[in-house]
């Protein structure tokens, strides 16, 4: 299966678990909307996150990488803002929910990534 689709499914599962376990992360939409939310989250992490990391590189070095947690929370909040503007029904209420939600999403993605077989090299 295509790696992008696998990562999309992993993001969807991680976001669903964050919705279930983190107070302040709310989803109130149709079942297919969560797929759109995970697609938005993936696009935000692919396009905007590297730029933010580039501009905050000195802060990342100074905090020994711990500022990455703040960046992840910002990306989840941005996903919430974009989803609300598109009327999808995904909402993150405050920084605390964004921080814990991004932590849950990171841990679930890490575990699911470890369970996946390694990528096959094409020759």
N, C-alpha and C. Protein backbone atom coordinates (compact mmCIF):
# COMPACT_ATOMS: atom_id res chain seq x y z
N UNK A 1 0.84 -1.17 0.00
CA UNK A 1 0.00 0.00 0.00
C UNK A 1 0.89 1.24 0.00
N UNK A 2 0.40 2.31 -0.54
CA UNK A 2 1.14 3.55 -0.64
C UNK A 2 1.46 4.10 0.75
N UNK A 3 2.68 4.57 0.95
CA UNK A 3 3.12 5.08 2.25
C UNK A 3 2.29 6.28 2.70
N UNK A 4 1.88 7.14 1.76
CA UNK A 4 1.08 8.31 2.12
C UNK A 4 -0.27 7.89 2.68
N UNK A 5 -0.87 6.88 2.10
CA UNK A 5 -2.16 6.39 2.60
C UNK A 5 -2.00 5.77 3.98
N UNK A 6 -0.92 5.05 4.18
CA UNK A 6 -0.66 4.43 5.49
C UNK A 6 -0.49 5.51 6.55
N UNK A 7 0.27 6.55 6.24
CA UNK A 7 0.47 7.64 7.20
C UNK A 7 -0.83 8.38 7.46
N UNK A 8 -1.67 8.51 6.45
CA UNK A 8 -2.97 9.16 6.59
C UNK A 8 -3.85 8.37 7.55
N UNK A 9 -3.87 7.05 7.38
CA UNK A 9 -4.65 6.19 8.27
C UNK A 9 -4.10 6.25 9.69
N UNK A 10 -2.77 6.26 9.83
CA UNK A 10 -2.16 6.35 11.16
C UNK A 10 -2.52 7.68 11.82
N UNK A 11 -2.49 8.78 11.06
CA UNK A 11 -2.90 10.08 11.61
C UNK A 11 -4.36 10.07 12.04
N UNK A 12 -5.19 9.43 11.24
CA UNK A 12 -6.62 9.36 11.56
C UNK A 12 -6.83 8.61 12.88
N UNK A 13 -6.17 7.49 13.04
CA UNK A 13 -6.29 6.72 14.28
C UNK A 13 -5.77 7.53 15.46
N UNK A 14 -4.63 8.20 15.28
CA UNK A 14 -4.05 8.99 16.36
C UNK A 14 -4.96 10.14 16.76
N UNK A 15 -5.55 10.81 15.80
CA UNK A 15 -6.46 11.92 16.10
C UNK A 15 -7.73 11.41 16.77
N UNK A 16 -8.23 10.27 16.33
CA UNK A 16 -9.42 9.70 16.97
C UNK A 16 -9.14 9.35 18.43
N UNK A 17 -7.97 8.83 18.73
CA UNK A 17 -7.62 8.52 20.11
C UNK A 17 -7.44 9.79 20.94
N UNK A 18 -6.90 10.83 20.33
CA UNK A 18 -6.76 12.10 21.05
C UNK A 18 -8.13 12.69 21.36
N UNK A 19 -9.07 12.56 20.43
CA UNK A 19 -10.43 13.03 20.66
C UNK A 19 -11.06 12.27 21.82
N UNK A 20 -10.81 10.97 21.86
CA UNK A 20 -11.41 10.13 22.90
C UNK A 20 -10.81 10.39 24.28
N UNK A 21 -9.51 10.60 24.38
CA UNK A 21 -8.85 10.62 25.68
C UNK A 21 -8.45 12.00 26.20
N UNK A 22 -8.42 13.01 25.36
CA UNK A 22 -7.97 14.34 25.82
C UNK A 22 -9.18 15.26 25.95
N UNK A 23 -9.45 15.71 27.18
CA UNK A 23 -10.54 16.66 27.36
C UNK A 23 -10.17 17.99 26.68
N UNK A 24 -11.11 18.56 25.96
CA UNK A 24 -10.86 19.80 25.26
C UNK A 24 -10.65 19.62 23.77
N UNK A 25 -10.52 18.37 23.33
CA UNK A 25 -10.46 18.09 21.89
C UNK A 25 -11.80 17.47 21.54
N UNK A 26 -12.53 18.18 20.69
CA UNK A 26 -13.92 17.81 20.41
C UNK A 26 -14.11 17.62 18.91
N UNK A 27 -14.83 16.57 18.57
CA UNK A 27 -15.23 16.37 17.17
C UNK A 27 -16.72 16.10 17.15
N UNK A 28 -17.43 16.91 16.38
CA UNK A 28 -18.88 16.75 16.28
C UNK A 28 -19.29 16.89 14.82
N UNK A 29 -18.95 15.90 14.06
CA UNK A 29 -19.28 15.94 12.64
C UNK A 29 -19.56 14.55 12.12
N UNK A 30 -19.68 14.47 10.82
CA UNK A 30 -19.92 13.18 10.17
C UNK A 30 -18.67 12.32 10.25
N UNK A 31 -18.83 11.03 10.06
CA UNK A 31 -17.71 10.10 10.20
C UNK A 31 -16.59 10.40 9.20
N UNK A 32 -16.94 10.87 8.01
CA UNK A 32 -15.93 11.13 7.00
C UNK A 32 -15.16 12.43 7.29
N UNK A 33 -15.70 13.28 8.15
CA UNK A 33 -15.02 14.53 8.47
C UNK A 33 -13.70 14.32 9.18
N UNK A 34 -13.63 13.26 9.97
CA UNK A 34 -12.37 12.98 10.67
C UNK A 34 -11.26 12.63 9.68
N UNK A 35 -11.64 12.07 8.54
CA UNK A 35 -10.65 11.81 7.48
C UNK A 35 -10.12 13.12 6.91
N UNK A 36 -11.01 14.12 6.77
CA UNK A 36 -10.59 15.44 6.30
C UNK A 36 -9.69 16.12 7.34
N UNK A 37 -10.04 15.97 8.61
CA UNK A 37 -9.23 16.55 9.68
C UNK A 37 -7.82 15.97 9.64
N UNK A 38 -7.71 14.67 9.48
CA UNK A 38 -6.38 14.05 9.45
C UNK A 38 -5.62 14.45 8.18
N UNK A 39 -6.34 14.70 7.10
CA UNK A 39 -5.68 15.17 5.89
C UNK A 39 -5.15 16.60 6.09
N UNK A 40 -5.96 17.44 6.72
CA UNK A 40 -5.52 18.81 7.02
C UNK A 40 -4.31 18.77 7.95
N UNK A 41 -4.38 17.92 8.97
CA UNK A 41 -3.27 17.79 9.93
C UNK A 41 -2.00 17.34 9.22
N UNK A 42 -2.12 16.39 8.32
CA UNK A 42 -0.96 15.93 7.55
C UNK A 42 -0.38 17.02 6.67
N UNK A 43 -1.25 17.79 6.02
CA UNK A 43 -0.77 18.89 5.18
C UNK A 43 -0.10 19.98 6.00
N UNK A 44 -0.68 20.31 7.14
CA UNK A 44 -0.08 21.31 8.02
C UNK A 44 1.29 20.85 8.48
N UNK A 45 1.41 19.58 8.86
CA UNK A 45 2.70 19.05 9.32
C UNK A 45 3.71 18.94 8.18
N UNK A 46 3.24 18.75 6.97
CA UNK A 46 4.14 18.62 5.84
C UNK A 46 4.63 19.97 5.32
N UNK A 47 3.75 20.96 5.31
CA UNK A 47 4.08 22.25 4.70
C UNK A 47 4.54 23.28 5.73
N UNK A 48 3.79 23.47 6.79
CA UNK A 48 4.04 24.58 7.70
C UNK A 48 5.04 24.22 8.80
N UNK A 49 4.97 23.01 9.32
CA UNK A 49 5.84 22.61 10.44
C UNK A 49 7.33 22.77 10.13
N UNK A 50 7.81 22.36 8.94
CA UNK A 50 9.25 22.56 8.66
C UNK A 50 9.65 24.04 8.65
N UNK A 51 8.77 24.90 8.16
CA UNK A 51 9.07 26.33 8.17
C UNK A 51 9.16 26.87 9.59
N UNK A 52 8.23 26.46 10.44
CA UNK A 52 8.24 26.89 11.84
C UNK A 52 9.51 26.38 12.53
N UNK A 53 9.89 25.13 12.25
CA UNK A 53 11.10 24.58 12.86
C UNK A 53 12.35 25.32 12.37
N UNK A 54 12.34 25.74 11.12
CA UNK A 54 13.48 26.49 10.58
C UNK A 54 13.62 27.83 11.29
N UNK A 55 12.50 28.53 11.45
CA UNK A 55 12.55 29.85 12.07
C UNK A 55 12.79 29.80 13.58
N UNK A 56 12.45 28.69 14.21
CA UNK A 56 12.65 28.58 15.65
C UNK A 56 13.85 27.69 15.98
N UNK A 57 14.71 27.47 15.02
CA UNK A 57 15.86 26.59 15.23
C UNK A 57 16.73 26.98 16.43
N UNK A 58 17.04 28.27 16.60
CA UNK A 58 17.83 28.62 17.80
C UNK A 58 17.12 28.25 19.11
N UNK A 59 15.80 28.43 19.13
CA UNK A 59 15.04 28.08 20.33
C UNK A 59 15.02 26.56 20.54
N UNK A 60 14.95 25.82 19.45
CA UNK A 60 15.01 24.36 19.54
C UNK A 60 16.36 23.90 20.11
N UNK A 61 17.43 24.54 19.67
CA UNK A 61 18.76 24.19 20.18
C UNK A 61 18.87 24.57 21.66
N UNK A 62 18.39 25.76 22.00
CA UNK A 62 18.49 26.25 23.36
C UNK A 62 17.73 25.36 24.35
N UNK A 63 16.57 24.82 23.92
CA UNK A 63 15.75 23.99 24.81
C UNK A 63 16.02 22.50 24.62
N UNK A 64 17.06 22.17 23.86
CA UNK A 64 17.44 20.78 23.58
C UNK A 64 16.30 20.00 22.93
N UNK A 65 15.54 20.67 22.09
CA UNK A 65 14.47 20.01 21.33
C UNK A 65 13.12 19.99 22.01
N UNK A 66 13.04 20.44 23.25
CA UNK A 66 11.75 20.41 23.95
C UNK A 66 10.73 21.38 23.37
N UNK A 67 11.20 22.39 22.66
CA UNK A 67 10.27 23.33 22.02
C UNK A 67 9.47 22.63 20.93
N UNK A 68 9.89 21.46 20.50
CA UNK A 68 9.14 20.69 19.51
C UNK A 68 7.73 20.38 20.01
N UNK A 69 7.58 20.16 21.31
CA UNK A 69 6.25 19.91 21.87
C UNK A 69 5.34 21.11 21.67
N UNK A 70 5.90 22.31 21.82
CA UNK A 70 5.13 23.53 21.61
C UNK A 70 4.75 23.66 20.13
N UNK A 71 5.68 23.36 19.25
CA UNK A 71 5.40 23.42 17.81
C UNK A 71 4.30 22.44 17.44
N UNK A 72 4.36 21.22 17.99
CA UNK A 72 3.32 20.22 17.71
C UNK A 72 1.95 20.71 18.19
N UNK A 73 1.91 21.34 19.36
CA UNK A 73 0.64 21.87 19.86
C UNK A 73 0.14 22.99 18.96
N UNK A 74 1.06 23.82 18.45
CA UNK A 74 0.66 24.88 17.53
C UNK A 74 0.09 24.29 16.23
N UNK A 75 0.66 23.21 15.75
CA UNK A 75 0.16 22.60 14.51
C UNK A 75 -1.24 22.00 14.72
N UNK A 76 -1.47 21.44 15.91
CA UNK A 76 -2.80 20.91 16.21
C UNK A 76 -3.82 22.05 16.34
N UNK A 77 -3.40 23.15 16.94
CA UNK A 77 -4.28 24.32 17.05
C UNK A 77 -4.58 24.90 15.67
N UNK A 78 -3.58 24.94 14.81
CA UNK A 78 -3.79 25.43 13.44
C UNK A 78 -4.74 24.51 12.68
N UNK A 79 -4.61 23.21 12.89
CA UNK A 79 -5.53 22.26 12.27
C UNK A 79 -6.96 22.51 12.77
N UNK A 80 -7.09 22.79 14.05
CA UNK A 80 -8.40 23.10 14.62
C UNK A 80 -8.98 24.35 13.98
N UNK A 81 -8.17 25.38 13.85
CA UNK A 81 -8.63 26.63 13.26
C UNK A 81 -9.08 26.43 11.81
N UNK A 82 -8.27 25.69 11.04
CA UNK A 82 -8.63 25.43 9.64
C UNK A 82 -9.90 24.59 9.55
N UNK A 83 -10.02 23.61 10.42
CA UNK A 83 -11.21 22.74 10.41
C UNK A 83 -12.46 23.53 10.79
N UNK A 84 -12.34 24.42 11.77
CA UNK A 84 -13.49 25.25 12.15
C UNK A 84 -13.88 26.19 11.03
N UNK A 85 -12.90 26.73 10.31
CA UNK A 85 -13.23 27.64 9.21
C UNK A 85 -13.87 26.90 8.04
N UNK A 86 -13.63 25.60 7.95
CA UNK A 86 -14.26 24.78 6.90
C UNK A 86 -15.53 24.10 7.41
N UNK A 87 -15.90 24.37 8.66
CA UNK A 87 -17.12 23.81 9.29
C UNK A 87 -17.11 22.29 9.31
N UNK A 88 -15.97 21.71 9.67
CA UNK A 88 -15.85 20.26 9.73
C UNK A 88 -16.30 19.74 11.09
N UNK A 89 -16.09 20.50 12.16
CA UNK A 89 -16.55 20.08 13.47
C UNK A 89 -15.46 19.64 14.42
N UNK A 90 -14.21 19.88 14.07
CA UNK A 90 -13.08 19.54 14.93
C UNK A 90 -12.64 20.80 15.65
N UNK A 91 -12.49 20.69 16.98
CA UNK A 91 -12.14 21.87 17.77
C UNK A 91 -11.20 21.47 18.90
N UNK A 92 -10.19 22.30 19.10
CA UNK A 92 -9.27 22.15 20.23
C UNK A 92 -9.44 23.39 21.09
N UNK A 93 -9.80 23.17 22.34
CA UNK A 93 -10.10 24.28 23.24
C UNK A 93 -8.91 24.59 24.13
N UNK A 94 -8.07 25.51 23.72
CA UNK A 94 -6.98 25.97 24.54
C UNK A 94 -5.67 25.25 24.31
N UNK A 95 -4.62 25.87 24.87
CA UNK A 95 -3.28 25.35 24.68
C UNK A 95 -3.07 24.03 25.41
N UNK A 96 -3.64 23.89 26.60
CA UNK A 96 -3.46 22.67 27.37
C UNK A 96 -3.98 21.45 26.60
N UNK A 97 -5.15 21.57 26.01
CA UNK A 97 -5.71 20.48 25.21
C UNK A 97 -4.85 20.22 23.98
N UNK A 98 -4.36 21.30 23.36
CA UNK A 98 -3.51 21.13 22.17
C UNK A 98 -2.20 20.44 22.53
N UNK A 99 -1.63 20.81 23.68
CA UNK A 99 -0.37 20.20 24.11
C UNK A 99 -0.55 18.71 24.37
N UNK A 100 -1.55 18.35 25.20
CA UNK A 100 -1.76 16.94 25.53
C UNK A 100 -2.23 16.15 24.31
N UNK A 101 -3.03 16.79 23.46
CA UNK A 101 -3.47 16.12 22.23
C UNK A 101 -2.32 15.83 21.29
N UNK A 102 -1.41 16.79 21.15
CA UNK A 102 -0.27 16.56 20.27
C UNK A 102 0.66 15.49 20.85
N UNK A 103 0.73 15.43 22.17
CA UNK A 103 1.53 14.39 22.80
C UNK A 103 0.93 13.00 22.55
N UNK A 104 -0.39 12.88 22.69
CA UNK A 104 -1.07 11.61 22.41
C UNK A 104 -0.90 11.23 20.94
N UNK A 105 -1.08 12.20 20.05
CA UNK A 105 -0.94 11.91 18.62
C UNK A 105 0.48 11.47 18.29
N UNK A 106 1.47 12.11 18.89
CA UNK A 106 2.87 11.74 18.65
C UNK A 106 3.17 10.32 19.13
N UNK A 107 2.68 9.99 20.32
CA UNK A 107 2.94 8.66 20.89
C UNK A 107 2.25 7.58 20.06
N UNK A 108 0.99 7.81 19.70
CA UNK A 108 0.25 6.82 18.90
C UNK A 108 0.90 6.66 17.53
N UNK A 109 1.31 7.75 16.91
CA UNK A 109 1.98 7.67 15.61
C UNK A 109 3.30 6.92 15.71
N UNK A 110 4.03 7.15 16.80
CA UNK A 110 5.29 6.44 17.00
C UNK A 110 5.06 4.94 17.14
N UNK A 111 4.08 4.57 17.95
CA UNK A 111 3.80 3.15 18.17
C UNK A 111 3.32 2.50 16.87
N UNK A 112 2.40 3.15 16.16
CA UNK A 112 1.91 2.58 14.91
C UNK A 112 3.01 2.52 13.86
N UNK A 113 3.89 3.51 13.85
CA UNK A 113 5.01 3.50 12.92
C UNK A 113 5.97 2.36 13.19
N UNK A 114 6.15 2.02 14.46
CA UNK A 114 7.03 0.90 14.81
C UNK A 114 6.41 -0.44 14.43
N UNK A 115 5.09 -0.50 14.39
CA UNK A 115 4.41 -1.74 14.03
C UNK A 115 4.37 -1.99 12.53
N UNK A 116 4.66 -0.95 11.75
CA UNK A 116 4.61 -1.08 10.29
C UNK A 116 5.87 -1.78 9.79
N UNK A 117 5.73 -2.57 8.73
CA UNK A 117 6.93 -3.18 8.15
C UNK A 117 7.78 -2.09 7.49
N UNK A 118 9.10 -2.34 7.39
CA UNK A 118 9.97 -1.33 6.78
C UNK A 118 9.63 -1.11 5.32
N UNK A 119 9.95 0.10 4.85
CA UNK A 119 9.68 0.41 3.44
C UNK A 119 10.56 -0.44 2.55
N UNK A 120 9.99 -0.80 1.41
CA UNK A 120 10.74 -1.60 0.44
C UNK A 120 11.44 -0.65 -0.50
N UNK A 121 12.70 -0.91 -0.76
CA UNK A 121 13.48 -0.07 -1.68
C UNK A 121 13.25 -0.55 -3.09
N UNK A 122 13.05 0.42 -4.00
CA UNK A 122 12.87 0.09 -5.40
C UNK A 122 14.21 0.23 -6.11
N UNK A 123 14.59 -0.76 -6.87
CA UNK A 123 15.86 -0.72 -7.60
C UNK A 123 15.63 -0.47 -9.05
